[in-house]
Amino acid sequence: MIPRTKACLNDLLIAAAFLAMGFFLPGSILDKGFYAHLGGIAIGLGIGWMIKSIIAHTQLQKQPVKA
């Protein structure tokens, strides 16, 4: 389950921005050319950022709290 902390939601917002940039950059993802490569890179960054943030925040959530 995805944690509902402010930091996790911030990370997911950044990932969504990269994904949106990848989809809405000029030129299609399926076309050849420089803009298609930029779209693929942005989508890859978004997916990578999302996976990284989910893994990092679930590990933080599982750690015991030291009092």
PDB file of N, CA and C in Angstrom:
ATOM      1  N   MET A   1       0.842  -1.182   0.000  1.00  0.00           N
ATOM      2  CA  MET A   1       0.000   0.000   0.000  1.00  0.00           C
ATOM      3  C   MET A   1       0.889   1.248   0.000  1.00  0.00           C
ATOM      4  N   ILE A   2       0.466   2.240  -0.713  1.00  0.00           N
ATOM      5  CA  ILE A   2       1.234   3.480  -0.809  1.00  0.00           C
ATOM      6  C   ILE A   2       0.999   4.308   0.444  1.00  0.00           C
ATOM      7  N   PRO A   3       2.070   4.742   1.116  1.00  0.00           N
ATOM      8  CA  PRO A   3       1.904   5.575   2.314  1.00  0.00           C
ATOM      9  C   PRO A   3       1.267   6.916   1.965  1.00  0.00           C
ATOM     10  N   ARG A   4       0.543   7.484   2.888  1.00  0.00           N
ATOM     11  CA  ARG A   4      -0.158   8.747   2.661  1.00  0.00           C
ATOM     12  C   ARG A   4       0.509   9.906   3.406  1.00  0.00           C
ATOM     13  N   THR A   5       1.829   9.943   3.383  1.00  0.00           N
ATOM     14  CA  THR A   5       2.526  11.041   4.027  1.00  0.00           C
ATOM     15  C   THR A   5       2.701  12.181   3.033  1.00  0.00           C
ATOM     16  N   LYS A   6       3.009  13.351   3.550  1.00  0.00           N
ATOM     17  CA  LYS A   6       3.186  14.526   2.705  1.00  0.00           C
ATOM     18  C   LYS A   6       4.390  14.356   1.777  1.00  0.00           C
ATOM     19  N   ALA A   7       5.466  13.755   2.272  1.00  0.00           N
ATOM     20  CA  ALA A   7       6.667  13.554   1.456  1.00  0.00           C
ATOM     21  C   ALA A   7       6.405  12.555   0.328  1.00  0.00           C
ATOM     22  N   CYS A   8       5.654  11.510   0.618  1.00  0.00           N
ATOM     23  CA  CYS A   8       5.341  10.514  -0.408  1.00  0.00           C
ATOM     24  C   CYS A   8       4.445  11.111  -1.486  1.00  0.00           C
ATOM     25  N   LEU A   9       3.446  11.871  -1.094  1.00  0.00           N
ATOM     26  CA  LEU A   9       2.577  12.512  -2.076  1.00  0.00           C
ATOM     27  C   LEU A   9       3.345  13.521  -2.919  1.00  0.00           C
ATOM     28  N   ASN A  10       4.312  14.201  -2.327  1.00  0.00           N
ATOM     29  CA  ASN A  10       5.162  15.127  -3.070  1.00  0.00           C
ATOM     30  C   ASN A  10       5.979  14.373  -4.116  1.00  0.00           C
ATOM     31  N   ASP A  11       6.550  13.238  -3.737  1.00  0.00           N
ATOM     32  CA  ASP A  11       7.315  12.431  -4.687  1.00  0.00           C
ATOM     33  C   ASP A  11       6.439  11.906  -5.818  1.00  0.00           C
ATOM     34  N   LEU A  12       5.224  11.478  -5.491  1.00  0.00           N
ATOM     35  CA  LEU A  12       4.322  10.984  -6.530  1.00  0.00           C
ATOM     36  C   LEU A  12       3.888  12.106  -7.469  1.00  0.00           C
ATOM     37  N   LEU A  13       3.766  13.322  -6.952  1.00  0.00           N
ATOM     38  CA  LEU A  13       3.434  14.465  -7.801  1.00  0.00           C
ATOM     39  C   LEU A  13       4.565  14.767  -8.779  1.00  0.00           C
ATOM     40  N   ILE A  14       5.801  14.654  -8.315  1.00  0.00           N
ATOM     41  CA  ILE A  14       6.958  14.858  -9.194  1.00  0.00           C
ATOM     42  C   ILE A  14       6.983  13.779 -10.277  1.00  0.00           C
ATOM     43  N   ALA A  15       6.723  12.537  -9.896  1.00  0.00           N
ATOM     44  CA  ALA A  15       6.694  11.444 -10.876  1.00  0.00           C
ATOM     45  C   ALA A  15       5.592  11.667 -11.906  1.00  0.00           C
ATOM     46  N   ALA A  16       4.429  12.118 -11.450  1.00  0.00           N
ATOM     47  CA  ALA A  16       3.326  12.380 -12.379  1.00  0.00           C
ATOM     48  C   ALA A  16       3.664  13.519 -13.331  1.00  0.00           C
ATOM     49  N   ALA A  17       4.413  14.512 -12.859  1.00  0.00           N
ATOM     50  CA  ALA A  17       4.819  15.614 -13.736  1.00  0.00           C
ATOM     51  C   ALA A  17       5.752  15.112 -14.835  1.00  0.00           C
ATOM     52  N   PHE A  18       6.696  14.229 -14.495  1.00  0.00           N
ATOM     53  CA  PHE A  18       7.578  13.656 -15.511  1.00  0.00           C
ATOM     54  C   PHE A  18       6.783  12.824 -16.518  1.00  0.00           C
ATOM     55  N   LEU A  19       5.830  12.039 -16.032  1.00  0.00           N
ATOM     56  CA  LEU A  19       5.016  11.231 -16.939  1.00  0.00           C
ATOM     57  C   LEU A  19       4.190  12.118 -17.872  1.00  0.00           C
ATOM     58  N   ALA A  20       3.604  13.177 -17.327  1.00  0.00           N
ATOM     59  CA  ALA A  20       2.815  14.086 -18.160  1.00  0.00           C
ATOM     60  C   ALA A  20       3.696  14.784 -19.192  1.00  0.00           C
ATOM     61  N   MET A  21       4.896  15.190 -18.795  1.00  0.00           N
ATOM     62  CA  MET A  21       5.813  15.798 -19.754  1.00  0.00           C
ATOM     63  C   MET A  21       6.134  14.818 -20.875  1.00  0.00           C
ATOM     64  N   GLY A  22       6.336  13.566 -20.543  1.00  0.00           N
ATOM     65  CA  GLY A  22       6.658  12.566 -21.551  1.00  0.00           C
ATOM     66  C   GLY A  22       5.535  12.367 -22.547  1.00  0.00           C
ATOM     67  N   PHE A  23       4.301  12.416 -22.059  1.00  0.00           N
ATOM     68  CA  PHE A  23       3.172  12.206 -22.952  1.00  0.00           C
ATOM     69  C   PHE A  23       2.814  13.446 -23.760  1.00  0.00           C
ATOM     70  N   PHE A  24       3.050  14.631 -23.214  1.00  0.00           N
ATOM     71  CA  PHE A  24       2.586  15.849 -23.873  1.00  0.00           C
ATOM     72  C   PHE A  24       3.677  16.666 -24.550  1.00  0.00           C
ATOM     73  N   LEU A  25       4.913  16.165 -24.592  1.00  0.00           N
ATOM     74  CA  LEU A  25       5.953  16.860 -25.343  1.00  0.00           C
ATOM     75  C   LEU A  25       5.607  16.851 -26.828  1.00  0.00           C
ATOM     76  N   PRO A  26       6.057  17.869 -27.568  1.00  0.00           N
ATOM     77  CA  PRO A  26       5.764  17.872 -29.007  1.00  0.00           C
ATOM     78  C   PRO A  26       6.354  16.635 -29.678  1.00  0.00           C
ATOM     79  N   GLY A  27       5.645  16.087 -30.613  1.00  0.00           N
ATOM     80  CA  GLY A  27       6.095  14.857 -31.262  1.00  0.00           C
ATOM     81  C   GLY A  27       5.540  13.669 -30.511  1.00  0.00           C
ATOM     82  N   SER A  28       5.346  12.613 -31.205  1.00  0.00           N
ATOM     83  CA  SER A  28       4.761  11.425 -30.596  1.00  0.00           C
ATOM     84  C   SER A  28       5.840  10.540 -29.989  1.00  0.00           C
ATOM     85  N   ILE A  29       5.443   9.737 -29.057  1.00  0.00           N
ATOM     86  CA  ILE A  29       6.372   8.778 -28.451  1.00  0.00           C
ATOM     87  C   ILE A  29       6.767   7.729 -29.488  1.00  0.00           C
ATOM     88  N   LEU A  30       5.851   7.442 -30.415  1.00  0.00           N
ATOM     89  CA  LEU A  30       6.099   6.409 -31.418  1.00  0.00           C
ATOM     90  C   LEU A  30       6.877   6.933 -32.622  1.00  0.00           C
ATOM     91  N   ASP A  31       6.973   8.245 -32.789  1.00  0.00           N
ATOM     92  CA  ASP A  31       7.706   8.816 -33.920  1.00  0.00           C
ATOM     93  C   ASP A  31       9.201   8.669 -33.702  1.00  0.00           C
ATOM     94  N   LYS A  32       9.922   8.835 -34.789  1.00  0.00           N
ATOM     95  CA  LYS A  32      11.374   8.853 -34.682  1.00  0.00           C
ATOM     96  C   LYS A  32      11.814  10.290 -34.551  1.00  0.00           C
ATOM     97  N   GLY A  33      12.936  10.500 -33.933  1.00  0.00           N
ATOM     98  CA  GLY A  33      13.464  11.844 -33.809  1.00  0.00           C
ATOM     99  C   GLY A  33      13.791  12.199 -32.383  1.00  0.00           C
ATOM    100  N   PHE A  34      14.316  13.411 -32.245  1.00  0.00           N
ATOM    101  CA  PHE A  34      14.810  13.868 -30.956  1.00  0.00           C
ATOM    102  C   PHE A  34      13.698  14.035 -29.937  1.00  0.00           C
ATOM    103  N   TYR A  35      12.543  14.559 -30.353  1.00  0.00           N
ATOM    104  CA  TYR A  35      11.455  14.785 -29.401  1.00  0.00           C
ATOM    105  C   TYR A  35      10.892  13.469 -28.873  1.00  0.00           C
ATOM    106  N   ALA A  36      10.887  12.452 -29.700  1.00  0.00           N
ATOM    107  CA  ALA A  36      10.423  11.142 -29.229  1.00  0.00           C
ATOM    108  C   ALA A  36      11.368  10.593 -28.166  1.00  0.00           C
ATOM    109  N   HIS A  37      12.658  10.834 -28.326  1.00  0.00           N
ATOM    110  CA  HIS A  37      13.622  10.382 -27.318  1.00  0.00           C
ATOM    111  C   HIS A  37      13.434  11.155 -26.014  1.00  0.00           C
ATOM    112  N   LEU A  38      13.173  12.452 -26.110  1.00  0.00           N
ATOM    113  CA  LEU A  38      12.914  13.235 -24.895  1.00  0.00           C
ATOM    114  C   LEU A  38      11.664  12.733 -24.181  1.00  0.00           C
ATOM    115  N   GLY A  39      10.633  12.391 -24.932  1.00  0.00           N
ATOM    116  CA  GLY A  39       9.420  11.847 -24.324  1.00  0.00           C
ATOM    117  C   GLY A  39       9.680  10.529 -23.622  1.00  0.00           C
ATOM    118  N   GLY A  40      10.469   9.666 -24.249  1.00  0.00           N
ATOM    119  CA  GLY A  40      10.797   8.384 -23.624  1.00  0.00           C
ATOM    120  C   GLY A  40      11.633   8.547 -22.376  1.00  0.00           C
ATOM    121  N   ILE A  41      12.561   9.487 -22.416  1.00  0.00           N
ATOM    122  CA  ILE A  41      13.397   9.747 -21.234  1.00  0.00           C
ATOM    123  C   ILE A  41      12.545  10.278 -20.093  1.00  0.00           C
ATOM    124  N   ALA A  42      11.631  11.211 -20.396  1.00  0.00           N
ATOM    125  CA  ALA A  42      10.775  11.777 -19.348  1.00  0.00           C
ATOM    126  C   ALA A  42       9.862  10.714 -18.745  1.00  0.00           C
ATOM    127  N   ILE A  43       9.324   9.834 -19.580  1.00  0.00           N
ATOM    128  CA  ILE A  43       8.474   8.755 -19.056  1.00  0.00           C
ATOM    129  C   ILE A  43       9.301   7.805 -18.192  1.00  0.00           C
ATOM    130  N   GLY A  44      10.508   7.488 -18.636  1.00  0.00           N
ATOM    131  CA  GLY A  44      11.386   6.624 -17.844  1.00  0.00           C
ATOM    132  C   GLY A  44      11.743   7.239 -16.502  1.00  0.00           C
ATOM    133  N   LEU A  45      12.002   8.547 -16.499  1.00  0.00           N
ATOM    134  CA  LEU A  45      12.287   9.228 -15.232  1.00  0.00           C
ATOM    135  C   LEU A  45      11.078   9.197 -14.304  1.00  0.00           C
ATOM    136  N   GLY A  46       9.897   9.401 -14.866  1.00  0.00           N
ATOM    137  CA  GLY A  46       8.683   9.384 -14.046  1.00  0.00           C
ATOM    138  C   GLY A  46       8.425   8.028 -13.429  1.00  0.00           C
ATOM    139  N   ILE A  47       8.565   6.981 -14.224  1.00  0.00           N
ATOM    140  CA  ILE A  47       8.345   5.626 -13.703  1.00  0.00           C
ATOM    141  C   ILE A  47       9.412   5.277 -12.668  1.00  0.00           C
ATOM    142  N   GLY A  48      10.660   5.620 -12.953  1.00  0.00           N
ATOM    143  CA  GLY A  48      11.744   5.355 -11.999  1.00  0.00           C
ATOM    144  C   GLY A  48      11.563   6.105 -10.698  1.00  0.00           C
ATOM    145  N   TRP A  49      11.164   7.368 -10.788  1.00  0.00           N
ATOM    146  CA  TRP A  49      10.950   8.189  -9.579  1.00  0.00           C
ATOM    147  C   TRP A  49       9.804   7.615  -8.755  1.00  0.00           C
ATOM    148  N   MET A  50       8.744   7.147  -9.425  1.00  0.00           N
ATOM    149  CA  MET A  50       7.607   6.590  -8.715  1.00  0.00           C
ATOM    150  C   MET A  50       8.001   5.305  -7.984  1.00  0.00           C
ATOM    151  N   ILE A  51       8.724   4.426  -8.647  1.00  0.00           N
ATOM    152  CA  ILE A  51       9.161   3.176  -8.015  1.00  0.00           C
ATOM    153  C   ILE A  51      10.086   3.461  -6.846  1.00  0.00           C
ATOM    154  N   LYS A  52      11.031   4.400  -7.040  1.00  0.00           N
ATOM    155  CA  LYS A  52      11.969   4.751  -5.973  1.00  0.00           C
ATOM    156  C   LYS A  52      11.235   5.310  -4.768  1.00  0.00           C
ATOM    157  N   SER A  53      10.276   6.181  -4.994  1.00  0.00           N
ATOM    158  CA  SER A  53       9.587   6.806  -3.870  1.00  0.00           C
ATOM    159  C   SER A  53       8.706   5.810  -3.127  1.00  0.00           C
ATOM    160  N   ILE A  54       8.049   4.910  -3.843  1.00  0.00           N
ATOM    161  CA  ILE A  54       7.207   3.915  -3.165  1.00  0.00           C
ATOM    162  C   ILE A  54       8.064   2.978  -2.324  1.00  0.00           C
ATOM    163  N   ILE A  55       9.193   2.522  -2.868  1.00  0.00           N
ATOM    164  CA  ILE A  55      10.082   1.634  -2.107  1.00  0.00           C
ATOM    165  C   ILE A  55      10.649   2.354  -0.887  1.00  0.00           C
ATOM    166  N   ALA A  56      11.121   3.581  -1.073  1.00  0.00           N
ATOM    167  CA  ALA A  56      11.737   4.322   0.037  1.00  0.00           C
ATOM    168  C   ALA A  56      10.726   4.618   1.139  1.00  0.00           C
ATOM    169  N   HIS A  57       9.516   5.012   0.778  1.00  0.00           N
ATOM    170  CA  HIS A  57       8.541   5.381   1.800  1.00  0.00           C
ATOM    171  C   HIS A  57       7.925   4.174   2.484  1.00  0.00           C
ATOM    172  N   THR A  58       7.821   3.039   1.809  1.00  0.00           N
ATOM    173  CA  THR A  58       7.323   1.845   2.496  1.00  0.00           C
ATOM    174  C   THR A  58       8.374   1.311   3.457  1.00  0.00           C
ATOM    175  N   GLN A  59       9.668   1.450   3.119  1.00  0.00           N
ATOM    176  CA  GLN A  59      10.718   1.026   4.050  1.00  0.00           C
ATOM    177  C   GLN A  59      10.749   1.930   5.276  1.00  0.00           C
ATOM    178  N   LEU A  60      10.511   3.230   5.083  1.00  0.00           N
ATOM    179  CA  LEU A  60      10.458   4.140   6.227  1.00  0.00           C
ATOM    180  C   LEU A  60       9.260   3.829   7.118  1.00  0.00           C
ATOM    181  N   GLN A  61       8.175   3.423   6.510  1.00  0.00           N
ATOM    182  CA  GLN A  61       6.973   3.125   7.266  1.00  0.00           C
ATOM    183  C   GLN A  61       7.133   1.847   8.093  1.00  0.00           C
ATOM    184  N   LYS A  62       7.928   0.880   7.603  1.00  0.00           N
ATOM    185  CA  LYS A  62       8.107  -0.393   8.295  1.00  0.00           C
ATOM    186  C   LYS A  62       9.125  -0.325   9.438  1.00  0.00           C
ATOM    187  N   GLN A  63       9.972   0.697   9.456  1.00  0.00           N
ATOM    188  CA  GLN A  63      10.984   0.806  10.501  1.00  0.00           C
ATOM    189  C   GLN A  63      10.315   1.105  11.846  1.00  0.00           C
ATOM    190  N   PRO A  64      10.793   0.472  12.900  1.00  0.00           N
ATOM    191  CA  PRO A  64      10.212   0.763  14.222  1.00  0.00           C
ATOM    192  C   PRO A  64      10.613   2.162  14.687  1.00  0.00           C
ATOM    193  N   VAL A  65       9.701   2.784  15.387  1.00  0.00           N
ATOM    194  CA  VAL A  65       9.937   4.135  15.899  1.00  0.00           C
ATOM    195  C   VAL A  65      10.739   4.041  17.186  1.00  0.00           C
ATOM    196  N   LYS A  66      11.864   4.759  17.236  1.00  0.00           N
ATOM    197  CA  LYS A  66      12.690   4.774  18.450  1.00  0.00           C
ATOM    198  C   LYS A  66      12.234   5.911  19.337  1.00  0.00           C
ATOM    199  N   ALA A  67      11.935   5.601  20.575  1.00  0.00           N
ATOM    200  CA  ALA A  67      11.466   6.632  21.495  1.00  0.00           C
ATOM    201  C   ALA A  67      12.507   6.981  22.521  1.00  0.00           C
TER     202      ALA A  67
END
